[in-house]
Amino acid sequence: MPPPIDATALAIIRDDLRLTTWLLVGACLQSLLLFILPIYFAVLPALVLLGVRIVWTVLMLTGVVHDTTLDKTVRGRQTSQFPAGAGLSEKANDEEFVVFIIGARFNHPLGRLAPGVFNAVEHFQGMWKEAESDRKKWGYLGRSSDMLATDDETGNGIITLSYWKSMQHLHEFARSPVHQAGWQWFERQSKTHPHLSMMHEVYALPKGHWENVYVNFTPFGMGKSQWDIALFSLTDSQPGQIQHLVEPKSNVVNGKTSESLVSALVPATGLRWKTMGSRMGWQGKLE
């Protein structure tokens, strides 16, 4: 079975060319088919593909086939909270954490085919793999999917949100060999390849000054964060504790197997999690 198509990678590839350019490419391919094949055979592939997609959409709308658009959605109200040592939330918003936003942009007519881009992507991927290989050491909680800015018609920047336990952990990672190698490479290349650009923003959030909620939403941002801890079953939970949603799993990165990973998502129900103030641990402070 072929590997699944990376939707983010496809979006990034599409962003390298304007919409009109992609339409022109399609028109040229269709014209080529008309030139070498009888008209009925030339238009058949496009008609079949369009027909299949229309029929499949109707079947999902009518419930005949499974609606795949909901596969990754977590139903109901959820919030992402820091698990306690046993894998169960004890108190709302009782930890500080750090949001690290990093972005890259390639200001070149060739877009991501420009000189140096492939090496830049390799360095970025190496850093993420290192962070994921030892989450406890680096205090790494997780990151969002890569996102495209929408300021321009093409060649937009790629932005990623990542989450860390503390500034100390983030500083330690910045001093790691993999990050030092990537940063030194970028400083050298930026002098001869000014089309390579990057940015970052850091926000250190003290406890009681952050919250989140996700309603029928695909896990995103901090909602995708994971912890290397064991997860007790719901029957083992003590009164007032809430089980985290995602079962623990083994995480293998760079040949290393981490401890079990557990999602930080919990149901946003009850007095503790229902309101913004309660999720920030502000009970009694808003009166």
C-alpha atoms as a PDB file:
ATOM      1  CA  MET A   1       0.000   0.000   0.000  1.00  0.00           C
ATOM      2  CA  PRO A   2       1.476   3.407  -0.923  1.00  0.00           C
ATOM      3  CA  PRO A   3       2.125   5.866   1.933  1.00  0.00           C
ATOM      4  CA  PRO A   4      -0.667   8.397   2.632  1.00  0.00           C
ATOM      5  CA  ILE A   5      -0.458  11.706   0.810  1.00  0.00           C
ATOM      6  CA  ASP A   6       0.753  14.545   3.027  1.00  0.00           C
ATOM      7  CA  ALA A   7      -1.943  17.218   2.691  1.00  0.00           C
ATOM      8  CA  THR A   8       0.354  19.911   4.064  1.00  0.00           C
ATOM      9  CA  ALA A   9       3.051  19.072   1.525  1.00  0.00           C
ATOM     10  CA  LEU A  10       0.491  19.264  -1.292  1.00  0.00           C
ATOM     11  CA  ALA A  11      -0.708  22.664  -0.060  1.00  0.00           C
ATOM     12  CA  ILE A  12       2.869  23.947   0.008  1.00  0.00           C
ATOM     13  CA  ILE A  13       3.514  22.662  -3.533  1.00  0.00           C
ATOM     14  CA  ARG A  14       0.309  24.326  -4.765  1.00  0.00           C
ATOM     15  CA  ASP A  15       1.444  27.587  -3.194  1.00  0.00           C
ATOM     16  CA  ASP A  16       4.550  27.678  -5.389  1.00  0.00           C
ATOM     17  CA  LEU A  17       2.442  28.525  -8.463  1.00  0.00           C
ATOM     18  CA  ARG A  18      -0.437  30.920  -8.998  1.00  0.00           C
ATOM     19  CA  LEU A  19      -3.917  29.487  -9.509  1.00  0.00           C
ATOM     20  CA  THR A  20      -3.894  30.732 -13.091  1.00  0.00           C
ATOM     21  CA  THR A  21      -0.622  28.876 -13.704  1.00  0.00           C
ATOM     22  CA  TRP A  22      -2.109  25.589 -12.447  1.00  0.00           C
ATOM     23  CA  LEU A  23      -5.161  26.128 -14.676  1.00  0.00           C
ATOM     24  CA  LEU A  24      -2.900  26.755 -17.648  1.00  0.00           C
ATOM     25  CA  VAL A  25      -0.940  23.567 -16.889  1.00  0.00           C
ATOM     26  CA  GLY A  26      -4.208  21.618 -16.820  1.00  0.00           C
ATOM     27  CA  ALA A  27      -5.368  23.239 -20.055  1.00  0.00           C
ATOM     28  CA  CYS A  28      -2.105  22.310 -21.774  1.00  0.00           C
ATOM     29  CA  LEU A  29      -2.370  18.692 -20.629  1.00  0.00           C
ATOM     30  CA  GLN A  30      -5.965  18.510 -21.845  1.00  0.00           C
ATOM     31  CA  SER A  31      -4.957  20.007 -25.179  1.00  0.00           C
ATOM     32  CA  LEU A  32      -2.214  17.410 -25.506  1.00  0.00           C
ATOM     33  CA  LEU A  33      -4.721  14.621 -24.942  1.00  0.00           C
ATOM     34  CA  LEU A  34      -7.023  16.119 -27.581  1.00  0.00           C
ATOM     35  CA  PHE A  35      -4.106  16.218 -30.009  1.00  0.00           C
ATOM     36  CA  ILE A  36      -3.045  12.585 -29.590  1.00  0.00           C
ATOM     37  CA  LEU A  37      -6.377  10.860 -28.800  1.00  0.00           C
ATOM     38  CA  PRO A  38      -9.889  10.851 -30.244  1.00  0.00           C
ATOM     39  CA  ILE A  39     -12.028  13.486 -28.537  1.00  0.00           C
ATOM     40  CA  TYR A  40     -14.144  10.943 -26.646  1.00  0.00           C
ATOM     41  CA  PHE A  41     -11.081   9.345 -25.053  1.00  0.00           C
ATOM     42  CA  ALA A  42      -9.385  12.688 -24.451  1.00  0.00           C
ATOM     43  CA  VAL A  43     -12.196  14.109 -22.307  1.00  0.00           C
ATOM     44  CA  LEU A  44     -13.044  10.792 -20.611  1.00  0.00           C
ATOM     45  CA  PRO A  45     -10.421  10.954 -17.773  1.00  0.00           C
ATOM     46  CA  ALA A  46     -11.578  14.383 -16.587  1.00  0.00           C
ATOM     47  CA  LEU A  47     -15.257  13.439 -16.784  1.00  0.00           C
ATOM     48  CA  VAL A  48     -14.698  10.175 -14.902  1.00  0.00           C
ATOM     49  CA  LEU A  49     -12.698  11.809 -12.097  1.00  0.00           C
ATOM     50  CA  LEU A  50     -15.238  14.609 -11.695  1.00  0.00           C
ATOM     51  CA  GLY A  51     -18.116  12.142 -11.764  1.00  0.00           C
ATOM     52  CA  VAL A  52     -16.519   9.920  -9.114  1.00  0.00           C
ATOM     53  CA  ARG A  53     -16.023  12.874  -6.793  1.00  0.00           C
ATOM     54  CA  ILE A  54     -19.610  14.075  -7.230  1.00  0.00           C
ATOM     55  CA  VAL A  55     -21.052  10.609  -6.632  1.00  0.00           C
ATOM     56  CA  TRP A  56     -18.825  10.031  -3.590  1.00  0.00           C
ATOM     57  CA  THR A  57     -19.890  13.371  -2.082  1.00  0.00           C
ATOM     58  CA  VAL A  58     -23.574  12.520  -2.577  1.00  0.00           C
ATOM     59  CA  LEU A  59     -23.055   9.096  -0.985  1.00  0.00           C
ATOM     60  CA  MET A  60     -21.444  10.674   2.076  1.00  0.00           C
ATOM     61  CA  LEU A  61     -24.202  13.300   2.350  1.00  0.00           C
ATOM     62  CA  THR A  62     -26.901  10.622   2.237  1.00  0.00           C
ATOM     63  CA  GLY A  63     -25.112   8.339   4.705  1.00  0.00           C
ATOM     64  CA  VAL A  64     -24.613   5.492   2.245  1.00  0.00           C
ATOM     65  CA  VAL A  65     -20.855   5.536   2.830  1.00  0.00           C
ATOM     66  CA  HIS A  66     -18.814   6.657   5.809  1.00  0.00           C
ATOM     67  CA  ASP A  67     -18.281  10.435   6.043  1.00  0.00           C
ATOM     68  CA  THR A  68     -14.488  10.695   6.102  1.00  0.00           C
ATOM     69  CA  THR A  69     -14.553  14.446   6.800  1.00  0.00           C
ATOM     70  CA  LEU A  70     -15.302  13.656  10.460  1.00  0.00           C
ATOM     71  CA  ASP A  71     -12.599  11.017  10.937  1.00  0.00           C
ATOM     72  CA  LYS A  72     -10.130  13.276  12.729  1.00  0.00           C
ATOM     73  CA  THR A  73     -12.698  15.354  14.601  1.00  0.00           C
ATOM     74  CA  VAL A  74     -13.025  15.027  18.376  1.00  0.00           C
ATOM     75  CA  ARG A  75     -16.707  15.465  19.109  1.00  0.00           C
ATOM     76  CA  GLY A  76     -17.994  17.708  21.892  1.00  0.00           C
ATOM     77  CA  ARG A  77     -16.192  20.364  23.941  1.00  0.00           C
ATOM     78  CA  GLN A  78     -12.558  19.640  24.763  1.00  0.00           C
ATOM     79  CA  THR A  79      -9.758  21.554  26.430  1.00  0.00           C
ATOM     80  CA  SER A  80      -6.018  20.890  26.472  1.00  0.00           C
ATOM     81  CA  GLN A  81      -4.604  20.801  30.005  1.00  0.00           C
ATOM     82  CA  PHE A  82      -1.358  19.669  31.565  1.00  0.00           C
ATOM     83  CA  PRO A  83      -1.694  16.096  32.822  1.00  0.00           C
ATOM     84  CA  ALA A  84      -0.640  15.271  36.370  1.00  0.00           C
ATOM     85  CA  GLY A  85       1.999  12.635  37.075  1.00  0.00           C
ATOM     86  CA  ALA A  86      -0.510   9.792  36.803  1.00  0.00           C
ATOM     87  CA  GLY A  87      -1.848  11.030  33.498  1.00  0.00           C
ATOM     88  CA  LEU A  88      -4.965  12.676  34.938  1.00  0.00           C
ATOM     89  CA  SER A  89      -5.727  16.368  35.291  1.00  0.00           C
ATOM     90  CA  GLU A  90      -5.740  17.550  38.872  1.00  0.00           C
ATOM     91  CA  LYS A  91      -6.153  21.319  38.617  1.00  0.00           C
ATOM     92  CA  ALA A  92      -6.940  23.758  35.821  1.00  0.00           C
ATOM     93  CA  ASN A  93      -4.131  25.841  34.380  1.00  0.00           C
ATOM     94  CA  ASP A  94      -1.630  24.958  37.081  1.00  0.00           C
ATOM     95  CA  GLU A  95       1.521  25.088  34.934  1.00  0.00           C
ATOM     96  CA  GLU A  96       3.406  27.657  32.912  1.00  0.00           C
ATOM     97  CA  PHE A  97       4.330  26.883  29.349  1.00  0.00           C
ATOM     98  CA  VAL A  98       5.963  28.456  26.313  1.00  0.00           C
ATOM     99  CA  VAL A  99       4.643  29.056  22.813  1.00  0.00           C
ATOM    100  CA  PHE A 100       7.373  29.166  20.168  1.00  0.00           C
ATOM    101  CA  ILE A 101       6.309  30.337  16.708  1.00  0.00           C
ATOM    102  CA  ILE A 102       8.751  29.764  13.870  1.00  0.00           C
ATOM    103  CA  GLY A 103       8.385  30.610  10.212  1.00  0.00           C
ATOM    104  CA  ALA A 104      10.304  30.439   6.956  1.00  0.00           C
ATOM    105  CA  ARG A 105       9.813  32.033   3.577  1.00  0.00           C
ATOM    106  CA  PHE A 106      11.649  31.646   0.270  1.00  0.00           C
ATOM    107  CA  ASN A 107      11.531  34.906  -1.687  1.00  0.00           C
ATOM    108  CA  HIS A 108      12.587  33.572  -5.082  1.00  0.00           C
ATOM    109  CA  PRO A 109      10.936  33.082  -8.499  1.00  0.00           C
ATOM    110  CA  LEU A 110      11.565  29.340  -8.176  1.00  0.00           C
ATOM    111  CA  GLY A 111       9.890  29.184  -4.777  1.00  0.00           C
ATOM    112  CA  ARG A 112      10.824  26.004  -2.955  1.00  0.00           C
ATOM    113  CA  LEU A 113      13.038  24.926  -5.855  1.00  0.00           C
ATOM    114  CA  ALA A 114      15.383  27.830  -5.127  1.00  0.00           C
ATOM    115  CA  PRO A 115      19.001  27.179  -4.035  1.00  0.00           C
ATOM    116  CA  GLY A 116      19.334  26.271  -0.365  1.00  0.00           C
ATOM    117  CA  VAL A 117      15.668  25.475   0.264  1.00  0.00           C
ATOM    118  CA  PHE A 118      16.129  21.704   0.357  1.00  0.00           C
ATOM    119  CA  ASN A 119      18.927  22.018   2.920  1.00  0.00           C
ATOM    120  CA  ALA A 120      16.860  24.423   5.007  1.00  0.00           C
ATOM    121  CA  VAL A 121      13.966  21.951   5.101  1.00  0.00           C
ATOM    122  CA  GLU A 122      16.361  19.156   6.104  1.00  0.00           C
ATOM    123  CA  HIS A 123      17.630  21.203   9.055  1.00  0.00           C
ATOM    124  CA  PHE A 124      14.092  22.036  10.187  1.00  0.00           C
ATOM    125  CA  GLN A 125      13.029  18.394   9.991  1.00  0.00           C
ATOM    126  CA  GLY A 126      16.115  17.327  11.917  1.00  0.00           C
ATOM    127  CA  MET A 127      15.289  19.741  14.737  1.00  0.00           C
ATOM    128  CA  TRP A 128      11.702  18.505  15.045  1.00  0.00           C
ATOM    129  CA  LYS A 129      12.853  14.884  15.040  1.00  0.00           C
ATOM    130  CA  GLU A 130      15.330  15.621  17.817  1.00  0.00           C
ATOM    131  CA  ALA A 131      12.667  17.360  19.914  1.00  0.00           C
ATOM    132  CA  GLU A 132      10.282  14.426  19.414  1.00  0.00           C
ATOM    133  CA  SER A 133      12.940  11.821  20.187  1.00  0.00           C
ATOM    134  CA  ASP A 134      13.280  12.974  23.828  1.00  0.00           C
ATOM    135  CA  ARG A 135      10.273  15.050  24.854  1.00  0.00           C
ATOM    136  CA  LYS A 136      11.100  14.819  28.554  1.00  0.00           C
ATOM    137  CA  LYS A 137      14.654  16.124  28.138  1.00  0.00           C
ATOM    138  CA  TRP A 138      13.662  19.064  25.948  1.00  0.00           C
ATOM    139  CA  GLY A 139      10.282  19.759  27.550  1.00  0.00           C
ATOM    140  CA  TYR A 140       8.718  19.480  24.134  1.00  0.00           C
ATOM    141  CA  LEU A 141       4.920  19.145  24.147  1.00  0.00           C
ATOM    142  CA  GLY A 142       4.102  19.160  20.448  1.00  0.00           C
ATOM    143  CA  ARG A 143       3.426  21.411  17.495  1.00  0.00           C
ATOM    144  CA  SER A 144       0.758  22.387  15.028  1.00  0.00           C
ATOM    145  CA  SER A 145       0.663  21.341  11.420  1.00  0.00           C
ATOM    146  CA  ASP A 146       2.687  23.575   9.123  1.00  0.00           C
ATOM    147  CA  MET A 147       0.511  26.502   8.060  1.00  0.00           C
ATOM    148  CA  LEU A 148       0.693  28.788   5.047  1.00  0.00           C
ATOM    149  CA  ALA A 149       0.316  32.522   5.435  1.00  0.00           C
ATOM    150  CA  THR A 150      -2.164  33.996   2.945  1.00  0.00           C
ATOM    151  CA  ASP A 151      -0.707  37.459   2.369  1.00  0.00           C
ATOM    152  CA  ASP A 152       0.280  36.845  -1.238  1.00  0.00           C
ATOM    153  CA  GLU A 153      -1.037  34.913  -4.207  1.00  0.00           C
ATOM    154  CA  THR A 154       1.966  32.613  -4.127  1.00  0.00           C
ATOM    155  CA  GLY A 155       5.227  32.027  -2.276  1.00  0.00           C
ATOM    156  CA  ASN A 156       3.755  32.512   1.187  1.00  0.00           C
ATOM    157  CA  GLY A 157       5.594  31.855   4.409  1.00  0.00           C
ATOM    158  CA  ILE A 158       5.321  28.559   6.325  1.00  0.00           C
ATOM    159  CA  ILE A 159       4.450  29.005   9.999  1.00  0.00           C
ATOM    160  CA  THR A 160       4.528  26.418  12.817  1.00  0.00           C
ATOM    161  CA  LEU A 161       3.338  26.787  16.415  1.00  0.00           C
ATOM    162  CA  SER A 162       5.188  24.685  18.968  1.00  0.00           C
ATOM    163  CA  TYR A 163       4.722  24.207  22.708  1.00  0.00           C
ATOM    164  CA  TRP A 164       7.348  23.722  25.437  1.00  0.00           C
ATOM    165  CA  LYS A 165       7.273  23.232  29.210  1.00  0.00           C
ATOM    166  CA  SER A 166       9.434  26.236  30.077  1.00  0.00           C
ATOM    167  CA  MET A 167      11.887  28.826  28.787  1.00  0.00           C
ATOM    168  CA  GLN A 168      14.691  26.819  30.387  1.00  0.00           C
ATOM    169  CA  HIS A 169      13.789  23.790  28.290  1.00  0.00           C
ATOM    170  CA  LEU A 170      13.604  25.898  25.118  1.00  0.00           C
ATOM    171  CA  HIS A 171      16.998  27.500  25.834  1.00  0.00           C
ATOM    172  CA  GLU A 172      18.524  24.080  26.395  1.00  0.00           C
ATOM    173  CA  PHE A 173      17.183  22.912  23.045  1.00  0.00           C
ATOM    174  CA  ALA A 174      18.576  26.045  21.371  1.00  0.00           C
ATOM    175  CA  ARG A 175      22.009  25.002  22.636  1.00  0.00           C
ATOM    176  CA  SER A 176      21.645  21.439  21.342  1.00  0.00           C
ATOM    177  CA  PRO A 177      24.012  20.293  18.565  1.00  0.00           C
ATOM    178  CA  VAL A 178      21.198  19.846  16.015  1.00  0.00           C
ATOM    179  CA  HIS A 179      19.907  23.393  16.532  1.00  0.00           C
ATOM    180  CA  GLN A 180      23.377  24.921  16.594  1.00  0.00           C
ATOM    181  CA  ALA A 181      24.241  23.200  13.320  1.00  0.00           C
ATOM    182  CA  GLY A 182      21.058  24.459  11.674  1.00  0.00           C
ATOM    183  CA  TRP A 183      21.466  28.025  12.898  1.00  0.00           C
ATOM    184  CA  GLN A 184      25.121  28.247  11.882  1.00  0.00           C
ATOM    185  CA  TRP A 185      24.223  26.901   8.431  1.00  0.00           C
ATOM    186  CA  PHE A 186      21.481  29.541   8.057  1.00  0.00           C
ATOM    187  CA  GLU A 187      23.800  32.399   9.116  1.00  0.00           C
ATOM    188  CA  ARG A 188      26.321  31.346   6.466  1.00  0.00           C
ATOM    189  CA  GLN A 189      23.733  30.868   3.735  1.00  0.00           C
ATOM    190  CA  SER A 190      21.805  34.073   4.424  1.00  0.00           C
ATOM    191  CA  LYS A 191      24.825  36.111   3.287  1.00  0.00           C
ATOM    192  CA  THR A 192      24.858  34.515  -0.173  1.00  0.00           C
ATOM    193  CA  HIS A 193      21.180  33.470  -0.372  1.00  0.00           C
ATOM    194  CA  PRO A 194      19.142  36.473   0.781  1.00  0.00           C
ATOM    195  CA  HIS A 195      15.981  34.804  -0.512  1.00  0.00           C
ATOM    196  CA  LEU A 196      16.137  32.477   2.504  1.00  0.00           C
ATOM    197  CA  SER A 197      14.288  34.165   5.351  1.00  0.00           C
ATOM    198  CA  MET A 198      13.066  33.038   8.753  1.00  0.00           C
ATOM    199  CA  MET A 199      11.421  34.429  11.885  1.00  0.00           C
ATOM    200  CA  HIS A 200      10.400  33.385  15.361  1.00  0.00           C
ATOM    201  CA  GLU A 201       8.337  34.661  18.253  1.00  0.00           C
ATOM    202  CA  VAL A 202       8.406  33.386  21.841  1.00  0.00           C
ATOM    203  CA  TYR A 203       5.686  33.795  24.464  1.00  0.00           C
ATOM    204  CA  ALA A 204       6.238  32.579  28.043  1.00  0.00           C
ATOM    205  CA  LEU A 205       2.833  32.166  29.682  1.00  0.00           C
ATOM    206  CA  PRO A 206       2.602  31.927  33.482  1.00  0.00           C
ATOM    207  CA  LYS A 207       0.039  29.636  35.061  1.00  0.00           C
ATOM    208  CA  GLY A 208      -3.405  31.160  35.220  1.00  0.00           C
ATOM    209  CA  HIS A 209      -2.849  33.190  32.044  1.00  0.00           C
ATOM    210  CA  TRP A 210      -3.759  30.805  29.258  1.00  0.00           C
ATOM    211  CA  GLU A 211      -6.689  28.612  28.240  1.00  0.00           C
ATOM    212  CA  ASN A 212      -8.191  26.925  25.193  1.00  0.00           C
ATOM    213  CA  VAL A 213     -11.327  25.168  24.038  1.00  0.00           C
ATOM    214  CA  TYR A 214     -12.104  23.006  20.992  1.00  0.00           C
ATOM    215  CA  VAL A 215     -15.705  22.251  19.977  1.00  0.00           C
ATOM    216  CA  ASN A 216     -16.143  19.447  17.409  1.00  0.00           C
ATOM    217  CA  PHE A 217     -12.651  20.318  16.212  1.00  0.00           C
ATOM    218  CA  THR A 218      -9.761  18.344  14.784  1.00  0.00           C
ATOM    219  CA  PRO A 219      -6.912  18.451  17.350  1.00  0.00           C
ATOM    220  CA  PHE A 220      -4.791  21.489  16.579  1.00  0.00           C
ATOM    221  CA  GLY A 221      -2.128  23.575  18.284  1.00  0.00           C
ATOM    222  CA  MET A 222      -1.885  22.756  21.960  1.00  0.00           C
ATOM    223  CA  GLY A 223      -4.746  20.333  21.381  1.00  0.00           C
ATOM    224  CA  LYS A 224      -2.184  18.117  19.611  1.00  0.00           C
ATOM    225  CA  SER A 225       0.335  18.269  22.477  1.00  0.00           C
ATOM    226  CA  GLN A 226       1.371  14.975  24.072  1.00  0.00           C
ATOM    227  CA  TRP A 227       3.109  13.880  27.249  1.00  0.00           C
ATOM    228  CA  ASP A 228       5.419  10.966  28.022  1.00  0.00           C
ATOM    229  CA  ILE A 229       3.422   9.555  30.924  1.00  0.00           C
ATOM    230  CA  ALA A 230       1.377   6.448  31.720  1.00  0.00           C
ATOM    231  CA  LEU A 231      -2.384   6.713  31.442  1.00  0.00           C
ATOM    232  CA  PHE A 232      -4.652   5.218  34.088  1.00  0.00           C
ATOM    233  CA  SER A 233      -7.915   3.757  32.891  1.00  0.00           C
ATOM    234  CA  LEU A 234     -11.170   5.520  33.692  1.00  0.00           C
ATOM    235  CA  THR A 235     -12.019   2.888  36.313  1.00  0.00           C
ATOM    236  CA  ASP A 236      -8.823   3.743  38.186  1.00  0.00           C
ATOM    237  CA  SER A 237      -9.648   7.450  38.259  1.00  0.00           C
ATOM    238  CA  GLN A 238     -10.210   9.064  41.611  1.00  0.00           C
ATOM    239  CA  PRO A 239     -13.266  11.294  42.127  1.00  0.00           C
ATOM    240  CA  GLY A 240     -12.864  14.646  40.400  1.00  0.00           C
ATOM    241  CA  GLN A 241     -10.159  13.466  38.022  1.00  0.00           C
ATOM    242  CA  ILE A 242     -10.689  13.380  34.268  1.00  0.00           C
ATOM    243  CA  GLN A 243      -9.226  10.814  31.917  1.00  0.00           C
ATOM    244  CA  HIS A 244      -7.310  12.145  28.936  1.00  0.00           C
ATOM    245  CA  LEU A 245      -8.775  11.166  25.613  1.00  0.00           C
ATOM    246  CA  VAL A 246      -6.038   9.590  23.525  1.00  0.00           C
ATOM    247  CA  GLU A 247      -4.688   6.188  24.523  1.00  0.00           C
ATOM    248  CA  PRO A 248      -0.935   5.957  25.182  1.00  0.00           C
ATOM    249  CA  LYS A 249       1.193   4.801  22.317  1.00  0.00           C
ATOM    250  CA  SER A 250       4.819   4.112  21.584  1.00  0.00           C
ATOM    251  CA  ASN A 251       6.674   6.872  19.746  1.00  0.00           C
ATOM    252  CA  VAL A 252       9.713   5.853  17.673  1.00  0.00           C
ATOM    253  CA  VAL A 253      11.870   8.699  16.337  1.00  0.00           C
ATOM    254  CA  ASN A 254      15.449   8.442  15.052  1.00  0.00           C
ATOM    255  CA  GLY A 255      15.549   4.811  16.134  1.00  0.00           C
ATOM    256  CA  LYS A 256      14.674   5.683  19.751  1.00  0.00           C
ATOM    257  CA  THR A 257      11.499   4.508  21.461  1.00  0.00           C
ATOM    258  CA  SER A 258      10.017   7.056  23.852  1.00  0.00           C
ATOM    259  CA  GLU A 259       7.723   6.390  26.781  1.00  0.00           C
ATOM    260  CA  SER A 260       3.973   6.150  26.223  1.00  0.00           C
ATOM    261  CA  LEU A 261       2.432   9.333  24.858  1.00  0.00           C
ATOM    262  CA  VAL A 262      -0.871  10.675  26.121  1.00  0.00           C
ATOM    263  CA  SER A 263      -2.937  13.512  24.699  1.00  0.00           C
ATOM    264  CA  ALA A 264      -3.478  16.627  26.799  1.00  0.00           C
ATOM    265  CA  LEU A 265      -7.143  16.833  25.716  1.00  0.00           C
ATOM    266  CA  VAL A 266      -9.869  16.399  28.331  1.00  0.00           C
ATOM    267  CA  PRO A 267     -13.651  16.923  28.059  1.00  0.00           C
ATOM    268  CA  ALA A 268     -14.461  20.588  28.763  1.00  0.00           C
ATOM    269  CA  THR A 269     -17.462  19.806  30.956  1.00  0.00           C
ATOM    270  CA  GLY A 270     -18.365  20.418  34.583  1.00  0.00           C
ATOM    271  CA  LEU A 271     -17.548  23.448  36.713  1.00  0.00           C
ATOM    272  CA  ARG A 272     -13.798  22.948  36.407  1.00  0.00           C
ATOM    273  CA  TRP A 273     -13.580  23.125  32.604  1.00  0.00           C
ATOM    274  CA  LYS A 274     -16.778  24.677  31.237  1.00  0.00           C
ATOM    275  CA  THR A 275     -15.972  28.425  31.230  1.00  0.00           C
ATOM    276  CA  MET A 276     -12.928  30.428  30.205  1.00  0.00           C
ATOM    277  CA  GLY A 277     -12.440  31.610  33.794  1.00  0.00           C
ATOM    278  CA  SER A 278     -12.603  28.095  35.240  1.00  0.00           C
ATOM    279  CA  ARG A 279     -10.160  26.750  32.636  1.00  0.00           C
ATOM    280  CA  MET A 280      -7.743  29.510  33.676  1.00  0.00           C
ATOM    281  CA  GLY A 281      -8.148  28.584  37.338  1.00  0.00           C
ATOM    282  CA  TRP A 282      -9.836  31.900  38.127  1.00  0.00           C
ATOM    283  CA  GLN A 283     -12.755  30.599  40.179  1.00  0.00           C
ATOM    284  CA  GLY A 284     -13.753  33.252  42.655  1.00  0.00           C
ATOM    285  CA  LYS A 285     -11.461  35.889  41.077  1.00  0.00           C
ATOM    286  CA  LEU A 286     -13.963  37.333  38.590  1.00  0.00           C
ATOM    287  CA  GLU A 287     -16.498  38.538  41.173  1.00  0.00           C
END
